[in-house]
Amino acid sequence: MIRQVRGKVVSIGPTSAIVEVAGLGIKVHMSSPQSLSEGREACLATHLAVKQDGMDLYGFPDALDRDFFELILSVSGVGPKTAQSVLRRAPREALEGAISARDLTYLTKVVGIGKKIAEKMLVELADKVGPRAHESQDGEVFDTLVALGYTEREARKALQNIPDSAVGKDVRLKAALSSGQ
């Protein structure tokens, strides 16, 4: 799996960019390739989609956007082109908020997906984004803190000090570790 591409941007199209990596021109599908500059180096978090008729590489400015794209892909009936289209129409943070708030109107009107897919997204992703998404990650963070020598009380206190904006197990662990200092 190709998880990152770093290289010189050769050209930019409406929905993709060509990035030169070790002499190869790699086409990377993006929701906003206009954020890149031709002739400059770019580092993109990527997702490789393998299908019957070939492979497509999707690029994102950071790993959080890529991870959210992959979360959208986990919804039954949603493919990479639909997931990319969703991210093209709204920022990840707004989408996460709409999904955790179960805002069907936002997803159908602003994002422009059909009601059936929007309902599937709400049902399948509501517990995976937003405040409740941290619960499963925080169990692992708690265990890691205890393994590192924190008492259970210290670990619970460190978890309480993690900001809600910290998303992802590694980011939450780092925030917990820095809050104890």
C-alpha atoms as a PDB file:
ATOM      1  CA  MET A   1       0.000   0.000   0.000  1.00  0.00           C
ATOM      2  CA  ILE A   2       1.336   3.426  -0.930  1.00  0.00           C
ATOM      3  CA  ARG A   3       0.671   5.712   2.073  1.00  0.00           C
ATOM      4  CA  GLN A   4       2.681   8.804   1.095  1.00  0.00           C
ATOM      5  CA  VAL A   5       4.087  10.442  -2.021  1.00  0.00           C
ATOM      6  CA  ARG A   6       6.736  13.147  -1.973  1.00  0.00           C
ATOM      7  CA  GLY A   7       8.001  14.779  -5.119  1.00  0.00           C
ATOM      8  CA  LYS A   8       7.926  17.684  -7.529  1.00  0.00           C
ATOM      9  CA  VAL A   9       4.513  18.676  -8.895  1.00  0.00           C
ATOM     10  CA  VAL A  10       4.753  18.438 -12.688  1.00  0.00           C
ATOM     11  CA  SER A  11       1.191  19.433 -13.610  1.00  0.00           C
ATOM     12  CA  ILE A  12      -2.153  20.193 -12.038  1.00  0.00           C
ATOM     13  CA  GLY A  13      -5.553  19.308 -13.462  1.00  0.00           C
ATOM     14  CA  PRO A  14      -9.086  19.932 -12.198  1.00  0.00           C
ATOM     15  CA  THR A  15      -9.241  16.697 -10.153  1.00  0.00           C
ATOM     16  CA  SER A  16      -5.662  15.414 -10.096  1.00  0.00           C
ATOM     17  CA  ALA A  17      -1.996  16.286 -10.136  1.00  0.00           C
ATOM     18  CA  ILE A  18       1.075  14.600 -11.593  1.00  0.00           C
ATOM     19  CA  VAL A  19       3.864  14.251  -9.033  1.00  0.00           C
ATOM     20  CA  GLU A  20       7.343  13.199 -10.152  1.00  0.00           C
ATOM     21  CA  VAL A  21       8.753  10.599  -7.784  1.00  0.00           C
ATOM     22  CA  ALA A  22      12.135   9.014  -8.598  1.00  0.00           C
ATOM     23  CA  GLY A  23      11.714   9.856 -12.277  1.00  0.00           C
ATOM     24  CA  LEU A  24       8.158   8.504 -12.506  1.00  0.00           C
ATOM     25  CA  GLY A  25       5.149  10.733 -13.110  1.00  0.00           C
ATOM     26  CA  ILE A  26       2.478   9.544 -10.693  1.00  0.00           C
ATOM     27  CA  LYS A  27      -1.120  10.665 -11.165  1.00  0.00           C
ATOM     28  CA  VAL A  28      -2.697  11.472  -7.816  1.00  0.00           C
ATOM     29  CA  HIS A  29      -6.463  12.108  -7.680  1.00  0.00           C
ATOM     30  CA  MET A  30      -7.246  14.949  -5.267  1.00  0.00           C
ATOM     31  CA  SER A  31     -10.278  16.860  -4.045  1.00  0.00           C
ATOM     32  CA  SER A  32      -8.342  20.152  -4.277  1.00  0.00           C
ATOM     33  CA  PRO A  33      -5.217  19.872  -6.449  1.00  0.00           C
ATOM     34  CA  GLN A  34      -5.256  23.672  -6.828  1.00  0.00           C
ATOM     35  CA  SER A  35      -3.692  23.843  -3.359  1.00  0.00           C
ATOM     36  CA  LEU A  36      -0.459  22.579  -4.955  1.00  0.00           C
ATOM     37  CA  SER A  37       1.983  24.637  -7.011  1.00  0.00           C
ATOM     38  CA  GLU A  38       3.607  23.409 -10.214  1.00  0.00           C
ATOM     39  CA  GLY A  39       7.362  23.057  -9.908  1.00  0.00           C
ATOM     40  CA  ARG A  40       7.252  22.859  -6.111  1.00  0.00           C
ATOM     41  CA  GLU A  41       7.701  19.819  -3.931  1.00  0.00           C
ATOM     42  CA  ALA A  42       4.607  18.287  -2.397  1.00  0.00           C
ATOM     43  CA  CYS A  43       4.145  15.662   0.272  1.00  0.00           C
ATOM     44  CA  LEU A  44       0.766  13.943   0.162  1.00  0.00           C
ATOM     45  CA  ALA A  45      -0.804  11.297   2.352  1.00  0.00           C
ATOM     46  CA  THR A  46      -2.242   8.735  -0.067  1.00  0.00           C
ATOM     47  CA  HIS A  47      -4.707   5.897  -0.456  1.00  0.00           C
ATOM     48  CA  LEU A  48      -4.238   3.285  -3.178  1.00  0.00           C
ATOM     49  CA  ALA A  49      -7.532   1.992  -4.563  1.00  0.00           C
ATOM     50  CA  VAL A  50      -7.181  -1.338  -6.344  1.00  0.00           C
ATOM     51  CA  LYS A  51      -9.994  -2.346  -8.681  1.00  0.00           C
ATOM     52  CA  GLN A  52     -10.566  -4.800 -11.499  1.00  0.00           C
ATOM     53  CA  ASP A  53      -9.496  -2.446 -14.270  1.00  0.00           C
ATOM     54  CA  GLY A  54      -6.488  -0.900 -12.539  1.00  0.00           C
ATOM     55  CA  MET A  55      -5.290   1.147  -9.610  1.00  0.00           C
ATOM     56  CA  ASP A  56      -5.920   4.755  -8.625  1.00  0.00           C
ATOM     57  CA  LEU A  57      -3.943   6.788  -6.128  1.00  0.00           C
ATOM     58  CA  TYR A  58      -5.817   9.381  -4.063  1.00  0.00           C
ATOM     59  CA  GLY A  59      -3.874  12.169  -2.352  1.00  0.00           C
ATOM     60  CA  PHE A  60      -4.584  14.378   0.658  1.00  0.00           C
ATOM     61  CA  PRO A  61      -2.784  17.270   2.350  1.00  0.00           C
ATOM     62  CA  ASP A  62      -2.502  15.319   5.614  1.00  0.00           C
ATOM     63  CA  ALA A  63      -3.108  11.906   7.161  1.00  0.00           C
ATOM     64  CA  LEU A  64      -6.277  13.075   8.946  1.00  0.00           C
ATOM     65  CA  ASP A  65      -7.999  13.791   5.622  1.00  0.00           C
ATOM     66  CA  ARG A  66      -6.805  10.450   4.230  1.00  0.00           C
ATOM     67  CA  ASP A  67      -8.069   8.593   7.291  1.00  0.00           C
ATOM     68  CA  PHE A  68     -11.455  10.311   7.005  1.00  0.00           C
ATOM     69  CA  PHE A  69     -11.588   9.417   3.291  1.00  0.00           C
ATOM     70  CA  GLU A  70     -10.955   5.783   4.240  1.00  0.00           C
ATOM     71  CA  LEU A  71     -13.671   6.017   6.883  1.00  0.00           C
ATOM     72  CA  ILE A  72     -16.130   7.232   4.231  1.00  0.00           C
ATOM     73  CA  LEU A  73     -15.038   4.313   2.022  1.00  0.00           C
ATOM     74  CA  SER A  74     -16.066   1.908   4.790  1.00  0.00           C
ATOM     75  CA  VAL A  75     -19.712   2.861   4.188  1.00  0.00           C
ATOM     76  CA  SER A  76     -21.362   0.197   2.038  1.00  0.00           C
ATOM     77  CA  GLY A  77     -22.084   1.493  -1.440  1.00  0.00           C
ATOM     78  CA  VAL A  78     -19.517   4.323  -1.314  1.00  0.00           C
ATOM     79  CA  GLY A  79     -16.516   4.142  -3.617  1.00  0.00           C
ATOM     80  CA  PRO A  80     -13.411   6.318  -3.911  1.00  0.00           C
ATOM     81  CA  LYS A  81     -14.924   8.752  -6.432  1.00  0.00           C
ATOM     82  CA  THR A  82     -17.937   9.415  -4.212  1.00  0.00           C
ATOM     83  CA  ALA A  83     -15.741   9.766  -1.117  1.00  0.00           C
ATOM     84  CA  GLN A  84     -13.492  12.232  -2.948  1.00  0.00           C
ATOM     85  CA  SER A  85     -16.527  14.162  -4.169  1.00  0.00           C
ATOM     86  CA  VAL A  86     -17.786  14.454  -0.585  1.00  0.00           C
ATOM     87  CA  LEU A  87     -14.430  15.877   0.551  1.00  0.00           C
ATOM     88  CA  ARG A  88     -14.373  18.266  -2.426  1.00  0.00           C
ATOM     89  CA  ARG A  89     -17.654  19.847  -1.347  1.00  0.00           C
ATOM     90  CA  ALA A  90     -17.041  20.289   2.392  1.00  0.00           C
ATOM     91  CA  PRO A  91     -14.085  20.406   4.794  1.00  0.00           C
ATOM     92  CA  ARG A  92     -13.415  17.297   6.878  1.00  0.00           C
ATOM     93  CA  GLU A  93     -14.163  19.077  10.157  1.00  0.00           C
ATOM     94  CA  ALA A  94     -17.618  20.167   8.931  1.00  0.00           C
ATOM     95  CA  LEU A  95     -18.368  16.665   7.693  1.00  0.00           C
ATOM     96  CA  GLU A  96     -17.322  15.124  11.000  1.00  0.00           C
ATOM     97  CA  GLY A  97     -19.555  17.583  12.836  1.00  0.00           C
ATOM     98  CA  ALA A  98     -22.525  16.884  10.562  1.00  0.00           C
ATOM     99  CA  ILE A  99     -22.095  13.131  10.913  1.00  0.00           C
ATOM    100  CA  SER A 100     -21.721  13.179  14.700  1.00  0.00           C
ATOM    101  CA  ALA A 101     -24.767  15.511  14.931  1.00  0.00           C
ATOM    102  CA  ARG A 102     -26.644  13.215  12.496  1.00  0.00           C
ATOM    103  CA  ASP A 103     -27.406  16.205  10.250  1.00  0.00           C
ATOM    104  CA  LEU A 104     -29.023  14.585   7.199  1.00  0.00           C
ATOM    105  CA  THR A 105     -29.938  17.962   5.684  1.00  0.00           C
ATOM    106  CA  TYR A 106     -26.306  19.128   5.622  1.00  0.00           C
ATOM    107  CA  LEU A 107     -25.132  15.953   3.922  1.00  0.00           C
ATOM    108  CA  THR A 108     -27.851  15.942   1.266  1.00  0.00           C
ATOM    109  CA  LYS A 109     -27.970  19.679   0.521  1.00  0.00           C
ATOM    110  CA  VAL A 110     -24.416  20.950   1.071  1.00  0.00           C
ATOM    111  CA  VAL A 111     -22.444  17.833   0.246  1.00  0.00           C
ATOM    112  CA  GLY A 112     -24.821  16.823  -2.526  1.00  0.00           C
ATOM    113  CA  ILE A 113     -25.073  13.091  -1.925  1.00  0.00           C
ATOM    114  CA  GLY A 114     -28.341  11.228  -2.150  1.00  0.00           C
ATOM    115  CA  LYS A 115     -30.552  10.678   0.861  1.00  0.00           C
ATOM    116  CA  LYS A 116     -29.926   6.916   0.898  1.00  0.00           C
ATOM    117  CA  ILE A 117     -26.116   7.240   0.982  1.00  0.00           C
ATOM    118  CA  ALA A 118     -26.322  10.099   3.512  1.00  0.00           C
ATOM    119  CA  GLU A 119     -28.470   7.962   5.815  1.00  0.00           C
ATOM    120  CA  LYS A 120     -25.992   5.078   5.492  1.00  0.00           C
ATOM    121  CA  MET A 121     -23.139   7.436   6.368  1.00  0.00           C
ATOM    122  CA  LEU A 122     -24.964   8.650   9.472  1.00  0.00           C
ATOM    123  CA  VAL A 123     -25.821   5.142  10.633  1.00  0.00           C
ATOM    124  CA  GLU A 124     -22.417   3.595   9.914  1.00  0.00           C
ATOM    125  CA  LEU A 125     -20.141   6.507  10.894  1.00  0.00           C
ATOM    126  CA  ALA A 126     -21.878   8.449  13.681  1.00  0.00           C
ATOM    127  CA  ASP A 127     -20.157   6.403  16.392  1.00  0.00           C
ATOM    128  CA  LYS A 128     -16.785   6.603  14.626  1.00  0.00           C
ATOM    129  CA  VAL A 129     -16.497  10.412  14.449  1.00  0.00           C
ATOM    130  CA  GLY A 130     -16.999  13.166  16.959  1.00  0.00           C
ATOM    131  CA  PRO A 131     -16.765  12.970  20.747  1.00  0.00           C
ATOM    132  CA  ARG A 132     -17.884   9.341  21.025  1.00  0.00           C
ATOM    133  CA  ALA A 133     -15.163   8.222  18.619  1.00  0.00           C
ATOM    134  CA  HIS A 134     -12.548   8.949  21.281  1.00  0.00           C
ATOM    135  CA  GLU A 135     -13.954   6.386  23.717  1.00  0.00           C
ATOM    136  CA  SER A 136     -12.467   3.318  22.014  1.00  0.00           C
ATOM    137  CA  GLN A 137      -9.168   5.083  21.351  1.00  0.00           C
ATOM    138  CA  ASP A 138      -8.947   6.353  24.914  1.00  0.00           C
ATOM    139  CA  GLY A 139      -9.068   2.805  26.257  1.00  0.00           C
ATOM    140  CA  GLU A 140      -5.904   2.033  24.317  1.00  0.00           C
ATOM    141  CA  VAL A 141      -4.334   5.349  25.344  1.00  0.00           C
ATOM    142  CA  PHE A 142      -5.146   4.575  28.999  1.00  0.00           C
ATOM    143  CA  ASP A 143      -3.543   1.119  28.717  1.00  0.00           C
ATOM    144  CA  THR A 144      -0.457   2.614  27.080  1.00  0.00           C
ATOM    145  CA  LEU A 145      -0.096   5.251  29.802  1.00  0.00           C
ATOM    146  CA  VAL A 146      -0.335   2.587  32.520  1.00  0.00           C
ATOM    147  CA  ALA A 147       2.233   0.463  30.644  1.00  0.00           C
ATOM    148  CA  LEU A 148       4.527   3.497  30.600  1.00  0.00           C
ATOM    149  CA  GLY A 149       4.370   3.727  34.389  1.00  0.00           C
ATOM    150  CA  TYR A 150       1.445   6.070  35.047  1.00  0.00           C
ATOM    151  CA  THR A 151      -0.795   5.126  37.951  1.00  0.00           C
ATOM    152  CA  GLU A 152      -4.431   4.550  36.981  1.00  0.00           C
ATOM    153  CA  ARG A 153      -5.351   7.855  38.635  1.00  0.00           C
ATOM    154  CA  GLU A 154      -2.633   9.741  36.699  1.00  0.00           C
ATOM    155  CA  ALA A 155      -3.711   8.071  33.453  1.00  0.00           C
ATOM    156  CA  ARG A 156      -7.384   9.056  33.986  1.00  0.00           C
ATOM    157  CA  LYS A 157      -6.345  12.637  34.758  1.00  0.00           C
ATOM    158  CA  ALA A 158      -4.169  12.764  31.616  1.00  0.00           C
ATOM    159  CA  LEU A 159      -7.115  11.500  29.534  1.00  0.00           C
ATOM    160  CA  GLN A 160      -9.346  14.250  30.924  1.00  0.00           C
ATOM    161  CA  ASN A 161      -6.821  16.879  29.822  1.00  0.00           C
ATOM    162  CA  ILE A 162      -6.826  15.793  26.166  1.00  0.00           C
ATOM    163  CA  PRO A 163      -8.585  18.405  24.010  1.00  0.00           C
ATOM    164  CA  ASP A 164     -11.540  17.203  21.902  1.00  0.00           C
ATOM    165  CA  SER A 165      -9.747  18.533  18.840  1.00  0.00           C
ATOM    166  CA  ALA A 166      -7.108  15.783  19.245  1.00  0.00           C
ATOM    167  CA  VAL A 167      -8.242  13.065  16.861  1.00  0.00           C
ATOM    168  CA  GLY A 168      -6.582   9.692  16.411  1.00  0.00           C
ATOM    169  CA  LYS A 169      -5.005   7.339  18.926  1.00  0.00           C
ATOM    170  CA  ASP A 170      -1.423   8.541  18.383  1.00  0.00           C
ATOM    171  CA  VAL A 171      -2.373  12.229  18.581  1.00  0.00           C
ATOM    172  CA  ARG A 172      -4.428  11.615  21.738  1.00  0.00           C
ATOM    173  CA  LEU A 173      -1.556   9.652  23.328  1.00  0.00           C
ATOM    174  CA  LYS A 174       0.885  12.470  22.551  1.00  0.00           C
ATOM    175  CA  ALA A 175      -1.538  15.025  24.028  1.00  0.00           C
ATOM    176  CA  ALA A 176      -1.973  12.885  27.169  1.00  0.00           C
ATOM    177  CA  LEU A 177       1.786  12.551  27.577  1.00  0.00           C
ATOM    178  CA  SER A 178       2.368  16.284  27.149  1.00  0.00           C
ATOM    179  CA  SER A 179      -0.460  17.162  29.581  1.00  0.00           C
ATOM    180  CA  GLY A 180       1.345  15.281  32.346  1.00  0.00           C
ATOM    181  CA  GLN A 181       4.395  17.520  32.128  1.00  0.00           C
END
